Amino acid sequence: MRHRAQQLEKQIAKVKAELMKIEALRPGSLSQQYNVCGNPSCRCKASPPQRHGPYYQLNYTRKGTGGTRFVKQAEVKLVKHQLDSYARLRALVDRWIDLGTELADLELAEHRKSLQHDS
């Protein structure tokens, strides 16, 4: 049991090290949209239509509040990197929780065993 606990502690240390590498992050998702304007002779009204765009929109919810913001084409790569960093953070935290829960279960079993021996 102690060997498994040491393995878990090493894995948790690796997760923590990976967390320290994460830089700018942003929750949300990025969508791509194409629009139609009000000009009846515009290309977006042709057959087939050639809509305007793409336009990028960031949608997010943070602390119970949702928001939307437009993202310029030149910023898309950076925003995608920030979104990927946030997803990486969430995955690492989930991994840490899984490992920590297993470690806590081992510690609890060890504690119970020591109480039985004391009785």
PDB file of N, CA and C in Angstrom:
ATOM      1  N   MET A   1       0.830  -1.185   0.000  1.00  0.00           N
ATOM      2  CA  MET A   1       0.000   0.000   0.000  1.00  0.00           C
ATOM      3  C   MET A   1       0.879   1.256   0.000  1.00  0.00           C
ATOM      4  N   ARG A   2       1.967   1.233   0.750  1.00  0.00           N
ATOM      5  CA  ARG A   2       2.866   2.394   0.807  1.00  0.00           C
ATOM      6  C   ARG A   2       3.500   2.655  -0.556  1.00  0.00           C
ATOM      7  N   HIS A   3       3.801   1.586  -1.284  1.00  0.00           N
ATOM      8  CA  HIS A   3       4.381   1.728  -2.626  1.00  0.00           C
ATOM      9  C   HIS A   3       3.408   2.460  -3.546  1.00  0.00           C
ATOM     10  N   ARG A   4       2.137   2.078  -3.481  1.00  0.00           N
ATOM     11  CA  ARG A   4       1.130   2.739  -4.332  1.00  0.00           C
ATOM     12  C   ARG A   4       0.987   4.211  -3.939  1.00  0.00           C
ATOM     13  N   ALA A   5       1.036   4.496  -2.658  1.00  0.00           N
ATOM     14  CA  ALA A   5       0.939   5.887  -2.197  1.00  0.00           C
ATOM     15  C   ALA A   5       2.106   6.710  -2.737  1.00  0.00           C
ATOM     16  N   GLN A   6       3.293   6.129  -2.743  1.00  0.00           N
ATOM     17  CA  GLN A   6       4.456   6.837  -3.283  1.00  0.00           C
ATOM     18  C   GLN A   6       4.298   7.088  -4.780  1.00  0.00           C
ATOM     19  N   GLN A   7       3.757   6.092  -5.500  1.00  0.00           N
ATOM     20  CA  GLN A   7       3.507   6.279  -6.931  1.00  0.00           C
ATOM     21  C   GLN A   7       2.522   7.431  -7.164  1.00  0.00           C
ATOM     22  N   LEU A   8       1.469   7.456  -6.373  1.00  0.00           N
ATOM     23  CA  LEU A   8       0.466   8.517  -6.506  1.00  0.00           C
ATOM     24  C   LEU A   8       1.077   9.886  -6.200  1.00  0.00           C
ATOM     25  N   GLU A   9       1.887   9.951  -5.162  1.00  0.00           N
ATOM     26  CA  GLU A   9       2.536  11.217  -4.808  1.00  0.00           C
ATOM     27  C   GLU A   9       3.446  11.708  -5.936  1.00  0.00           C
ATOM     28  N   LYS A  10       4.161  10.795  -6.587  1.00  0.00           N
ATOM     29  CA  LYS A  10       5.012  11.167  -7.727  1.00  0.00           C
ATOM     30  C   LYS A  10       4.166  11.679  -8.890  1.00  0.00           C
ATOM     31  N   GLN A  11       3.060  11.002  -9.157  1.00  0.00           N
ATOM     32  CA  GLN A  11       2.182  11.435 -10.245  1.00  0.00           C
ATOM     33  C   GLN A  11       1.566  12.802  -9.948  1.00  0.00           C
ATOM     34  N   ILE A  12       1.198  13.032  -8.706  1.00  0.00           N
ATOM     35  CA  ILE A  12       0.659  14.336  -8.310  1.00  0.00           C
ATOM     36  C   ILE A  12       1.723  15.416  -8.487  1.00  0.00           C
ATOM     37  N   ALA A  13       2.959  15.118  -8.133  1.00  0.00           N
ATOM     38  CA  ALA A  13       4.057  16.076  -8.311  1.00  0.00           C
ATOM     39  C   ALA A  13       4.233  16.425  -9.795  1.00  0.00           C
ATOM     40  N   LYS A  14       4.091  15.430 -10.667  1.00  0.00           N
ATOM     41  CA  LYS A  14       4.195  15.681 -12.114  1.00  0.00           C
ATOM     42  C   LYS A  14       3.058  16.583 -12.582  1.00  0.00           C
ATOM     43  N   VAL A  15       1.852  16.338 -12.089  1.00  0.00           N
ATOM     44  CA  VAL A  15       0.702  17.176 -12.451  1.00  0.00           C
ATOM     45  C   VAL A  15       0.959  18.612 -12.010  1.00  0.00           C
ATOM     46  N   LYS A  16       1.447  18.788 -10.784  1.00  0.00           N
ATOM     47  CA  LYS A  16       1.735  20.133 -10.278  1.00  0.00           C
ATOM     48  C   LYS A  16       2.785  20.827 -11.139  1.00  0.00           C
ATOM     49  N   ALA A  17       3.804  20.091 -11.556  1.00  0.00           N
ATOM     50  CA  ALA A  17       4.843  20.665 -12.414  1.00  0.00           C
ATOM     51  C   ALA A  17       4.256  21.104 -13.759  1.00  0.00           C
ATOM     52  N   GLU A  18       3.366  20.283 -14.308  1.00  0.00           N
ATOM     53  CA  GLU A  18       2.709  20.636 -15.571  1.00  0.00           C
ATOM     54  C   GLU A  18       1.825  21.874 -15.407  1.00  0.00           C
ATOM     55  N   LEU A  19       1.168  21.974 -14.273  1.00  0.00           N
ATOM     56  CA  LEU A  19       0.329  23.155 -14.003  1.00  0.00           C
ATOM     57  C   LEU A  19       1.164  24.431 -13.995  1.00  0.00           C
ATOM     58  N   MET A  20       2.366  24.345 -13.489  1.00  0.00           N
ATOM     59  CA  MET A  20       3.233  25.520 -13.417  1.00  0.00           C
ATOM     60  C   MET A  20       3.676  26.003 -14.799  1.00  0.00           C
ATOM     61  N   LYS A  21       3.574  25.163 -15.804  1.00  0.00           N
ATOM     62  CA  LYS A  21       3.979  25.533 -17.161  1.00  0.00           C
ATOM     63  C   LYS A  21       2.883  26.295 -17.912  1.00  0.00           C
ATOM     64  N   ILE A  22       1.672  26.247 -17.405  1.00  0.00           N
ATOM     65  CA  ILE A  22       0.552  26.886 -18.103  1.00  0.00           C
ATOM     66  C   ILE A  22       0.668  28.394 -17.984  1.00  0.00           C
ATOM     67  N   GLU A  23       0.503  29.054 -19.115  1.00  0.00           N
ATOM     68  CA  GLU A  23       0.596  30.514 -19.137  1.00  0.00           C
ATOM     69  C   GLU A  23      -0.803  31.105 -19.263  1.00  0.00           C
ATOM     70  N   ALA A  24      -0.964  32.062 -20.141  1.00  0.00           N
ATOM     71  CA  ALA A  24      -2.252  32.737 -20.308  1.00  0.00           C
ATOM     72  C   ALA A  24      -3.327  31.728 -20.690  1.00  0.00           C
ATOM     73  N   LEU A  25      -4.465  31.833 -20.029  1.00  0.00           N
ATOM     74  CA  LEU A  25      -5.552  30.910 -20.339  1.00  0.00           C
ATOM     75  C   LEU A  25      -6.873  31.661 -20.385  1.00  0.00           C
ATOM     76  N   ARG A  26      -7.812  31.057 -21.070  1.00  0.00           N
ATOM     77  CA  ARG A  26      -9.105  31.697 -21.267  1.00  0.00           C
ATOM     78  C   ARG A  26     -10.182  30.620 -21.358  1.00  0.00           C
ATOM     79  N   PRO A  27     -11.218  30.731 -20.523  1.00  0.00           N
ATOM     80  CA  PRO A  27     -12.327  29.786 -20.651  1.00  0.00           C
ATOM     81  C   PRO A  27     -13.218  30.191 -21.828  1.00  0.00           C
ATOM     82  N   GLY A  28     -13.952  29.223 -22.343  1.00  0.00           N
ATOM     83  CA  GLY A  28     -14.921  29.538 -23.391  1.00  0.00           C
ATOM     84  C   GLY A  28     -14.718  28.716 -24.636  1.00  0.00           C
ATOM     85  N   SER A  29     -15.394  29.168 -25.684  1.00  0.00           N
ATOM     86  CA  SER A  29     -15.276  28.507 -26.978  1.00  0.00           C
ATOM     87  C   SER A  29     -15.313  29.567 -28.067  1.00  0.00           C
ATOM     88  N   LEU A  30     -14.686  29.235 -29.166  1.00  0.00           N
ATOM     89  CA  LEU A  30     -14.585  30.150 -30.291  1.00  0.00           C
ATOM     90  C   LEU A  30     -15.447  29.620 -31.421  1.00  0.00           C
ATOM     91  N   SER A  31     -16.305  30.473 -31.944  1.00  0.00           N
ATOM     92  CA  SER A  31     -17.141  30.057 -33.076  1.00  0.00           C
ATOM     93  C   SER A  31     -16.844  30.942 -34.282  1.00  0.00           C
ATOM     94  N   GLN A  32     -17.144  30.400 -35.425  1.00  0.00           N
ATOM     95  CA  GLN A  32     -16.913  31.091 -36.689  1.00  0.00           C
ATOM     96  C   GLN A  32     -18.274  31.346 -37.330  1.00  0.00           C
ATOM     97  N   GLN A  33     -18.501  32.581 -37.766  1.00  0.00           N
ATOM     98  CA  GLN A  33     -19.789  32.914 -38.352  1.00  0.00           C
ATOM     99  C   GLN A  33     -19.622  33.632 -39.678  1.00  0.00           C
ATOM    100  N   TYR A  34     -20.647  33.511 -40.487  1.00  0.00           N
ATOM    101  CA  TYR A  34     -20.744  34.218 -41.757  1.00  0.00           C
ATOM    102  C   TYR A  34     -22.071  34.962 -41.744  1.00  0.00           C
ATOM    103  N   ASN A  35     -22.050  36.192 -42.236  1.00  0.00           N
ATOM    104  CA  ASN A  35     -23.244  37.026 -42.157  1.00  0.00           C
ATOM    105  C   ASN A  35     -23.763  37.428 -43.534  1.00  0.00           C
ATOM    106  N   VAL A  36     -25.012  37.850 -43.519  1.00  0.00           N
ATOM    107  CA  VAL A  36     -25.668  38.396 -44.700  1.00  0.00           C
ATOM    108  C   VAL A  36     -26.010  39.847 -44.374  1.00  0.00           C
ATOM    109  N   CYS A  37     -25.698  40.761 -45.282  1.00  0.00           N
ATOM    110  CA  CYS A  37     -25.964  42.171 -45.034  1.00  0.00           C
ATOM    111  C   CYS A  37     -27.328  42.590 -45.609  1.00  0.00           C
ATOM    112  N   GLY A  38     -27.631  43.858 -45.507  1.00  0.00           N
ATOM    113  CA  GLY A  38     -28.917  44.364 -45.981  1.00  0.00           C
ATOM    114  C   GLY A  38     -28.908  44.888 -47.405  1.00  0.00           C
ATOM    115  N   ASN A  39     -27.766  44.876 -48.068  1.00  0.00           N
ATOM    116  CA  ASN A  39     -27.673  45.391 -49.441  1.00  0.00           C
ATOM    117  C   ASN A  39     -28.217  44.342 -50.411  1.00  0.00           C
ATOM    118  N   PRO A  40     -29.332  44.648 -51.122  1.00  0.00           N
ATOM    119  CA  PRO A  40     -29.946  43.639 -51.996  1.00  0.00           C
ATOM    120  C   PRO A  40     -29.082  43.223 -53.183  1.00  0.00           C
ATOM    121  N   SER A  41     -28.106  44.052 -53.577  1.00  0.00           N
ATOM    122  CA  SER A  41     -27.268  43.698 -54.729  1.00  0.00           C
ATOM    123  C   SER A  41     -25.910  43.147 -54.309  1.00  0.00           C
ATOM    124  N   CYS A  42     -25.743  42.850 -53.029  1.00  0.00           N
ATOM    125  CA  CYS A  42     -24.461  42.344 -52.506  1.00  0.00           C
ATOM    126  C   CYS A  42     -24.260  40.879 -52.886  1.00  0.00           C
ATOM    127  N   ARG A  43     -23.009  40.474 -52.888  1.00  0.00           N
ATOM    128  CA  ARG A  43     -22.642  39.087 -53.202  1.00  0.00           C
ATOM    129  C   ARG A  43     -23.255  38.091 -52.223  1.00  0.00           C
ATOM    130  N   CYS A  44     -23.601  38.556 -51.020  1.00  0.00           N
ATOM    131  CA  CYS A  44     -24.181  37.652 -50.026  1.00  0.00           C
ATOM    132  C   CYS A  44     -25.625  37.293 -50.369  1.00  0.00           C
ATOM    133  N   LYS A  45     -26.206  37.992 -51.363  1.00  0.00           N
ATOM    134  CA  LYS A  45     -27.566  37.686 -51.814  1.00  0.00           C
ATOM    135  C   LYS A  45     -27.565  36.934 -53.147  1.00  0.00           C
ATOM    136  N   ALA A  46     -26.387  36.682 -53.700  1.00  0.00           N
ATOM    137  CA  ALA A  46     -26.260  36.013 -54.999  1.00  0.00           C
ATOM    138  C   ALA A  46     -26.685  34.554 -54.882  1.00  0.00           C
ATOM    139  N   SER A  47     -26.716  33.896 -56.023  1.00  0.00           N
ATOM    140  CA  SER A  47     -27.043  32.479 -56.042  1.00  0.00           C
ATOM    141  C   SER A  47     -25.874  31.738 -56.685  1.00  0.00           C
ATOM    142  N   PRO A  48     -25.094  30.982 -55.988  1.00  0.00           N
ATOM    143  CA  PRO A  48     -25.171  30.736 -54.548  1.00  0.00           C
ATOM    144  C   PRO A  48     -24.636  31.940 -53.766  1.00  0.00           C
ATOM    145  N   PRO A  49     -25.110  32.117 -52.540  1.00  0.00           N
ATOM    146  CA  PRO A  49     -24.677  33.273 -51.752  1.00  0.00           C
ATOM    147  C   PRO A  49     -23.221  33.147 -51.294  1.00  0.00           C
ATOM    148  N   GLN A  50     -22.541  34.282 -51.278  1.00  0.00           N
ATOM    149  CA  GLN A  50     -21.170  34.351 -50.754  1.00  0.00           C
ATOM    150  C   GLN A  50     -21.214  35.265 -49.538  1.00  0.00           C
ATOM    151  N   ARG A  51     -21.466  34.667 -48.423  1.00  0.00           N
ATOM    152  CA  ARG A  51     -21.657  35.428 -47.185  1.00  0.00           C
ATOM    153  C   ARG A  51     -20.382  36.139 -46.749  1.00  0.00           C
ATOM    154  N   HIS A  52     -20.557  37.162 -45.920  1.00  0.00           N
ATOM    155  CA  HIS A  52     -19.443  37.923 -45.379  1.00  0.00           C
ATOM    156  C   HIS A  52     -18.821  37.157 -44.206  1.00  0.00           C
ATOM    157  N   GLY A  53     -17.516  37.190 -44.135  1.00  0.00           N
ATOM    158  CA  GLY A  53     -16.857  36.521 -43.029  1.00  0.00           C
ATOM    159  C   GLY A  53     -15.671  35.736 -43.505  1.00  0.00           C
ATOM    160  N   PRO A  54     -15.087  34.945 -42.677  1.00  0.00           N
ATOM    161  CA  PRO A  54     -15.610  34.553 -41.369  1.00  0.00           C
ATOM    162  C   PRO A  54     -15.364  35.626 -40.299  1.00  0.00           C
ATOM    163  N   TYR A  55     -16.264  35.642 -39.348  1.00  0.00           N
ATOM    164  CA  TYR A  55     -16.129  36.455 -38.144  1.00  0.00           C
ATOM    165  C   TYR A  55     -16.023  35.484 -36.985  1.00  0.00           C
ATOM    166  N   TYR A  56     -15.182  35.815 -36.028  1.00  0.00           N
ATOM    167  CA  TYR A  56     -14.955  34.925 -34.896  1.00  0.00           C
ATOM    168  C   TYR A  56     -15.547  35.534 -33.629  1.00  0.00           C
ATOM    169  N   GLN A  57     -16.173  34.677 -32.860  1.00  0.00           N
ATOM    170  CA  GLN A  57     -16.817  35.126 -31.634  1.00  0.00           C
ATOM    171  C   GLN A  57     -16.439  34.191 -30.490  1.00  0.00           C
ATOM    172  N   LEU A  58     -16.024  34.789 -29.386  1.00  0.00           N
ATOM    173  CA  LEU A  58     -15.671  34.053 -28.188  1.00  0.00           C
ATOM    174  C   LEU A  58     -16.869  34.083 -27.251  1.00  0.00           C
ATOM    175  N   ASN A  59     -17.301  32.898 -26.814  1.00  0.00           N
ATOM    176  CA  ASN A  59     -18.393  32.779 -25.848  1.00  0.00           C
ATOM    177  C   ASN A  59     -17.828  32.146 -24.592  1.00  0.00           C
ATOM    178  N   TYR A  60     -18.177  32.710 -23.442  1.00  0.00           N
ATOM    179  CA  TYR A  60     -17.622  32.192 -22.198  1.00  0.00           C
ATOM    180  C   TYR A  60     -18.591  32.417 -21.044  1.00  0.00           C
ATOM    181  N   THR A  61     -18.395  31.627 -20.003  1.00  0.00           N
ATOM    182  CA  THR A  61     -19.101  31.808 -18.745  1.00  0.00           C
ATOM    183  C   THR A  61     -18.058  31.745 -17.649  1.00  0.00           C
ATOM    184  N   ARG A  62     -18.081  32.733 -16.783  1.00  0.00           N
ATOM    185  CA  ARG A  62     -17.114  32.796 -15.686  1.00  0.00           C
ATOM    186  C   ARG A  62     -17.833  33.316 -14.452  1.00  0.00           C
ATOM    187  N   LYS A  63     -17.760  32.546 -13.379  1.00  0.00           N
ATOM    188  CA  LYS A  63     -18.408  32.891 -12.111  1.00  0.00           C
ATOM    189  C   LYS A  63     -19.897  33.168 -12.307  1.00  0.00           C
ATOM    190  N   GLY A  64     -20.528  32.334 -13.127  1.00  0.00           N
ATOM    191  CA  GLY A  64     -21.968  32.427 -13.339  1.00  0.00           C
ATOM    192  C   GLY A  64     -22.398  33.505 -14.307  1.00  0.00           C
ATOM    193  N   THR A  65     -21.468  34.245 -14.856  1.00  0.00           N
ATOM    194  CA  THR A  65     -21.801  35.315 -15.794  1.00  0.00           C
ATOM    195  C   THR A  65     -21.277  34.955 -17.174  1.00  0.00           C
ATOM    196  N   GLY A  66     -22.152  35.021 -18.148  1.00  0.00           N
ATOM    197  CA  GLY A  66     -21.764  34.712 -19.515  1.00  0.00           C
ATOM    198  C   GLY A  66     -21.380  35.966 -20.263  1.00  0.00           C
ATOM    199  N   GLY A  67     -20.612  35.778 -21.298  1.00  0.00           N
ATOM    200  CA  GLY A  67     -20.199  36.914 -22.107  1.00  0.00           C
ATOM    201  C   GLY A  67     -19.850  36.476 -23.506  1.00  0.00           C
ATOM    202  N   THR A  68     -19.795  37.459 -24.361  1.00  0.00           N
ATOM    203  CA  THR A  68     -19.441  37.236 -25.756  1.00  0.00           C
ATOM    204  C   THR A  68     -18.538  38.374 -26.180  1.00  0.00           C
ATOM    205  N   ARG A  69     -17.545  38.043 -26.974  1.00  0.00           N
ATOM    206  CA  ARG A  69     -16.723  39.117 -27.530  1.00  0.00           C
ATOM    207  C   ARG A  69     -16.241  38.697 -28.906  1.00  0.00           C
ATOM    208  N   PHE A  70     -16.153  39.672 -29.782  1.00  0.00           N
ATOM    209  CA  PHE A  70     -15.653  39.399 -31.116  1.00  0.00           C
ATOM    210  C   PHE A  70     -14.135  39.340 -31.079  1.00  0.00           C
ATOM    211  N   VAL A  71     -13.586  38.470 -31.906  1.00  0.00           N
ATOM    212  CA  VAL A  71     -12.144  38.272 -31.973  1.00  0.00           C
ATOM    213  C   VAL A  71     -11.709  38.577 -33.401  1.00  0.00           C
ATOM    214  N   LYS A  72     -10.715  39.433 -33.523  1.00  0.00           N
ATOM    215  CA  LYS A  72     -10.195  39.781 -34.849  1.00  0.00           C
ATOM    216  C   LYS A  72      -9.433  38.590 -35.432  1.00  0.00           C
ATOM    217  N   GLN A  73      -9.420  38.526 -36.742  1.00  0.00           N
ATOM    218  CA  GLN A  73      -8.739  37.432 -37.448  1.00  0.00           C
ATOM    219  C   GLN A  73      -7.295  37.299 -36.974  1.00  0.00           C
ATOM    220  N   ALA A  74      -6.618  38.408 -36.762  1.00  0.00           N
ATOM    221  CA  ALA A  74      -5.217  38.376 -36.338  1.00  0.00           C
ATOM    222  C   ALA A  74      -5.047  37.836 -34.916  1.00  0.00           C
ATOM    223  N   GLU A  75      -6.117  37.806 -34.146  1.00  0.00           N
ATOM    224  CA  GLU A  75      -6.046  37.349 -32.754  1.00  0.00           C
ATOM    225  C   GLU A  75      -6.481  35.899 -32.565  1.00  0.00           C
ATOM    226  N   VAL A  76      -7.016  35.290 -33.612  1.00  0.00           N
ATOM    227  CA  VAL A  76      -7.598  33.945 -33.508  1.00  0.00           C
ATOM    228  C   VAL A  76      -6.591  32.925 -33.001  1.00  0.00           C
ATOM    229  N   LYS A  77      -5.382  32.927 -33.534  1.00  0.00           N
ATOM    230  CA  LYS A  77      -4.373  31.940 -33.131  1.00  0.00           C
ATOM    231  C   LYS A  77      -4.059  32.071 -31.641  1.00  0.00           C
ATOM    232  N   LEU A  78      -3.888  33.291 -31.159  1.00  0.00           N
ATOM    233  CA  LEU A  78      -3.593  33.526 -29.748  1.00  0.00           C
ATOM    234  C   LEU A  78      -4.752  33.083 -28.858  1.00  0.00           C
ATOM    235  N   VAL A  79      -5.971  33.429 -29.241  1.00  0.00           N
ATOM    236  CA  VAL A  79      -7.142  33.047 -28.447  1.00  0.00           C
ATOM    237  C   VAL A  79      -7.296  31.528 -28.420  1.00  0.00           C
ATOM    238  N   LYS A  80      -7.064  30.864 -29.533  1.00  0.00           N
ATOM    239  CA  LYS A  80      -7.132  29.397 -29.555  1.00  0.00           C
ATOM    240  C   LYS A  80      -6.093  28.797 -28.607  1.00  0.00           C
ATOM    241  N   HIS A  81      -4.900  29.379 -28.575  1.00  0.00           N
ATOM    242  CA  HIS A  81      -3.862  28.895 -27.662  1.00  0.00           C
ATOM    243  C   HIS A  81      -4.310  29.082 -26.208  1.00  0.00           C
ATOM    244  N   GLN A  82      -4.924  30.211 -25.902  1.00  0.00           N
ATOM    245  CA  GLN A  82      -5.420  30.464 -24.553  1.00  0.00           C
ATOM    246  C   GLN A  82      -6.540  29.489 -24.182  1.00  0.00           C
ATOM    247  N   LEU A  83      -7.420  29.200 -25.116  1.00  0.00           N
ATOM    248  CA  LEU A  83      -8.489  28.226 -24.881  1.00  0.00           C
ATOM    249  C   LEU A  83      -7.914  26.835 -24.645  1.00  0.00           C
ATOM    250  N   ASP A  84      -6.895  26.465 -25.425  1.00  0.00           N
ATOM    251  CA  ASP A  84      -6.227  25.171 -25.240  1.00  0.00           C
ATOM    252  C   ASP A  84      -5.553  25.097 -23.869  1.00  0.00           C
ATOM    253  N   SER A  85      -4.962  26.213 -23.430  1.00  0.00           N
ATOM    254  CA  SER A  85      -4.324  26.244 -22.116  1.00  0.00           C
ATOM    255  C   SER A  85      -5.352  26.032 -21.010  1.00  0.00           C
ATOM    256  N   TYR A  86      -6.521  26.627 -21.169  1.00  0.00           N
ATOM    257  CA  TYR A  86      -7.572  26.461 -20.172  1.00  0.00           C
ATOM    258  C   TYR A  86      -8.039  24.999 -20.136  1.00  0.00           C
ATOM    259  N   ALA A  87      -8.209  24.399 -21.312  1.00  0.00           N
ATOM    260  CA  ALA A  87      -8.617  22.993 -21.370  1.00  0.00           C
ATOM    261  C   ALA A  87      -7.550  22.105 -20.722  1.00  0.00           C
ATOM    262  N   ARG A  88      -6.282  22.436 -20.930  1.00  0.00           N
ATOM    263  CA  ARG A  88      -5.183  21.682 -20.320  1.00  0.00           C
ATOM    264  C   ARG A  88      -5.243  21.821 -18.796  1.00  0.00           C
ATOM    265  N   LEU A  89      -5.496  23.031 -18.320  1.00  0.00           N
ATOM    266  CA  LEU A  89      -5.638  23.259 -16.876  1.00  0.00           C
ATOM    267  C   LEU A  89      -6.736  22.383 -16.306  1.00  0.00           C
ATOM    268  N   ARG A  90      -7.884  22.382 -16.934  1.00  0.00           N
ATOM    269  CA  ARG A  90      -9.014  21.599 -16.435  1.00  0.00           C
ATOM    270  C   ARG A  90      -8.680  20.108 -16.408  1.00  0.00           C
ATOM    271  N   ALA A  91      -8.026  19.619 -17.461  1.00  0.00           N
ATOM    272  CA  ALA A  91      -7.659  18.197 -17.523  1.00  0.00           C
ATOM    273  C   ALA A  91      -6.660  17.847 -16.419  1.00  0.00           C
ATOM    274  N   LEU A  92      -5.693  18.725 -16.186  1.00  0.00           N
ATOM    275  CA  LEU A  92      -4.706  18.460 -15.140  1.00  0.00           C
ATOM    276  C   LEU A  92      -5.340  18.497 -13.753  1.00  0.00           C
ATOM    277  N   VAL A  93      -6.238  19.440 -13.522  1.00  0.00           N
ATOM    278  CA  VAL A  93      -6.917  19.508 -12.227  1.00  0.00           C
ATOM    279  C   VAL A  93      -7.757  18.254 -12.015  1.00  0.00           C
ATOM    280  N   ASP A  94      -8.456  17.804 -13.049  1.00  0.00           N
ATOM    281  CA  ASP A  94      -9.236  16.566 -12.940  1.00  0.00           C
ATOM    282  C   ASP A  94      -8.332  15.378 -12.615  1.00  0.00           C
ATOM    283  N   ARG A  95      -7.171  15.330 -13.248  1.00  0.00           N
ATOM    284  CA  ARG A  95      -6.211  14.247 -12.987  1.00  0.00           C
ATOM    285  C   ARG A  95      -5.735  14.307 -11.535  1.00  0.00           C
ATOM    286  N   TRP A  96      -5.429  15.513 -11.062  1.00  0.00           N
ATOM    287  CA  TRP A  96      -4.981  15.700  -9.691  1.00  0.00           C
ATOM    288  C   TRP A  96      -6.058  15.250  -8.710  1.00  0.00           C
ATOM    289  N   ILE A  97      -7.302  15.584  -8.997  1.00  0.00           N
ATOM    290  CA  ILE A  97      -8.408  15.169  -8.126  1.00  0.00           C
ATOM    291  C   ILE A  97      -8.517  13.651  -8.090  1.00  0.00           C
ATOM    292  N   ASP A  98      -8.414  13.007  -9.247  1.00  0.00           N
ATOM    293  CA  ASP A  98      -8.484  11.544  -9.296  1.00  0.00           C
ATOM    294  C   ASP A  98      -7.354  10.912  -8.479  1.00  0.00           C
ATOM    295  N   LEU A  99      -6.131  11.403  -8.696  1.00  0.00           N
ATOM    296  CA  LEU A  99      -4.984  10.867  -7.963  1.00  0.00           C
ATOM    297  C   LEU A  99      -5.097  11.161  -6.474  1.00  0.00           C
ATOM    298  N   GLY A 100      -5.491  12.373  -6.140  1.00  0.00           N
ATOM    299  CA  GLY A 100      -5.625  12.765  -4.743  1.00  0.00           C
ATOM    300  C   GLY A 100      -6.698  11.977  -4.018  1.00  0.00           C
ATOM    301  N   THR A 101      -7.776  11.671  -4.709  1.00  0.00           N
ATOM    302  CA  THR A 101      -8.842  10.874  -4.106  1.00  0.00           C
ATOM    303  C   THR A 101      -8.366   9.459  -3.825  1.00  0.00           C
ATOM    304  N   GLU A 102      -7.645   8.889  -4.786  1.00  0.00           N
ATOM    305  CA  GLU A 102      -7.109   7.547  -4.564  1.00  0.00           C
ATOM    306  C   GLU A 102      -6.111   7.552  -3.400  1.00  0.00           C
ATOM    307  N   LEU A 103      -5.275   8.580  -3.333  1.00  0.00           N
ATOM    308  CA  LEU A 103      -4.317   8.693  -2.231  1.00  0.00           C
ATOM    309  C   LEU A 103      -5.045   8.856  -0.893  1.00  0.00           C
ATOM    310  N   ALA A 104      -6.081   9.664  -0.874  1.00  0.00           N
ATOM    311  CA  ALA A 104      -6.858   9.865   0.356  1.00  0.00           C
ATOM    312  C   ALA A 104      -7.522   8.563   0.795  1.00  0.00           C
ATOM    313  N   ASP A 105      -8.003   7.785  -0.161  1.00  0.00           N
ATOM    314  CA  ASP A 105      -8.599   6.486   0.172  1.00  0.00           C
ATOM    315  C   ASP A 105      -7.573   5.546   0.798  1.00  0.00           C
ATOM    316  N   LEU A 106      -6.355   5.561   0.244  1.00  0.00           N
ATOM    317  CA  LEU A 106      -5.295   4.734   0.813  1.00  0.00           C
ATOM    318  C   LEU A 106      -4.957   5.183   2.232  1.00  0.00           C
ATOM    319  N   GLU A 107      -4.878   6.486   2.440  1.00  0.00           N
ATOM    320  CA  GLU A 107      -4.572   7.008   3.775  1.00  0.00           C
ATOM    321  C   GLU A 107      -5.681   6.656   4.769  1.00  0.00           C
ATOM    322  N   LEU A 108      -6.915   6.728   4.307  1.00  0.00           N
ATOM    323  CA  LEU A 108      -8.040   6.378   5.170  1.00  0.00           C
ATOM    324  C   LEU A 108      -8.003   4.894   5.533  1.00  0.00           C
ATOM    325  N   ALA A 109      -7.710   4.040   4.555  1.00  0.00           N
ATOM    326  CA  ALA A 109      -7.606   2.602   4.824  1.00  0.00           C
ATOM    327  C   ALA A 109      -6.470   2.328   5.799  1.00  0.00           C
ATOM    328  N   GLU A 110      -5.358   3.025   5.636  1.00  0.00           N
ATOM    329  CA  GLU A 110      -4.217   2.860   6.540  1.00  0.00           C
ATOM    330  C   GLU A 110      -4.586   3.315   7.956  1.00  0.00           C
ATOM    331  N   HIS A 111      -5.302   4.421   8.051  1.00  0.00           N
ATOM    332  CA  HIS A 111      -5.747   4.931   9.349  1.00  0.00           C
ATOM    333  C   HIS A 111      -6.691   3.942  10.028  1.00  0.00           C
ATOM    334  N   ARG A 112      -7.616   3.396   9.274  1.00  0.00           N
ATOM    335  CA  ARG A 112      -8.554   2.418   9.837  1.00  0.00           C
ATOM    336  C   ARG A 112      -7.822   1.175  10.336  1.00  0.00           C
ATOM    337  N   LYS A 113      -6.813   0.763   9.538  1.00  0.00           N
ATOM    338  CA  LYS A 113      -6.035  -0.417   9.915  1.00  0.00           C
ATOM    339  C   LYS A 113      -5.287  -0.157  11.218  1.00  0.00           C
ATOM    340  N   SER A 114      -4.737   1.029  11.363  1.00  0.00           N
ATOM    341  CA  SER A 114      -3.989   1.346  12.591  1.00  0.00           C
ATOM    342  C   SER A 114      -4.922   1.427  13.792  1.00  0.00           C
ATOM    343  N   LEU A 115      -6.156   1.856  13.599  1.00  0.00           N
ATOM    344  CA  LEU A 115      -7.130   1.886  14.684  1.00  0.00           C
ATOM    345  C   LEU A 115      -7.509   0.468  15.116  1.00  0.00           C
ATOM    346  N   GLN A 116      -7.584  -0.453  14.184  1.00  0.00           N
ATOM    347  CA  GLN A 116      -7.908  -1.849  14.510  1.00  0.00           C
ATOM    348  C   GLN A 116      -6.787  -2.493  15.316  1.00  0.00           C
ATOM    349  N   HIS A 117      -5.552  -2.156  14.954  1.00  0.00           N
ATOM    350  CA  HIS A 117      -4.410  -2.721  15.668  1.00  0.00           C
ATOM    351  C   HIS A 117      -4.302  -2.162  17.082  1.00  0.00           C
ATOM    352  N   ASP A 118      -4.738  -0.929  17.291  1.00  0.00           N
ATOM    353  CA  ASP A 118      -4.690  -0.294  18.611  1.00  0.00           C
ATOM    354  C   ASP A 118      -5.768  -0.837  19.545  1.00  0.00           C
ATOM    355  N   SER A 119      -6.833  -1.393  18.970  1.00  0.00           N
ATOM    356  CA  SER A 119      -7.948  -1.873  19.792  1.00  0.00           C
ATOM    357  C   SER A 119      -7.648  -3.171  20.498  1.00  0.00           C
TER     358      SER A 119
END
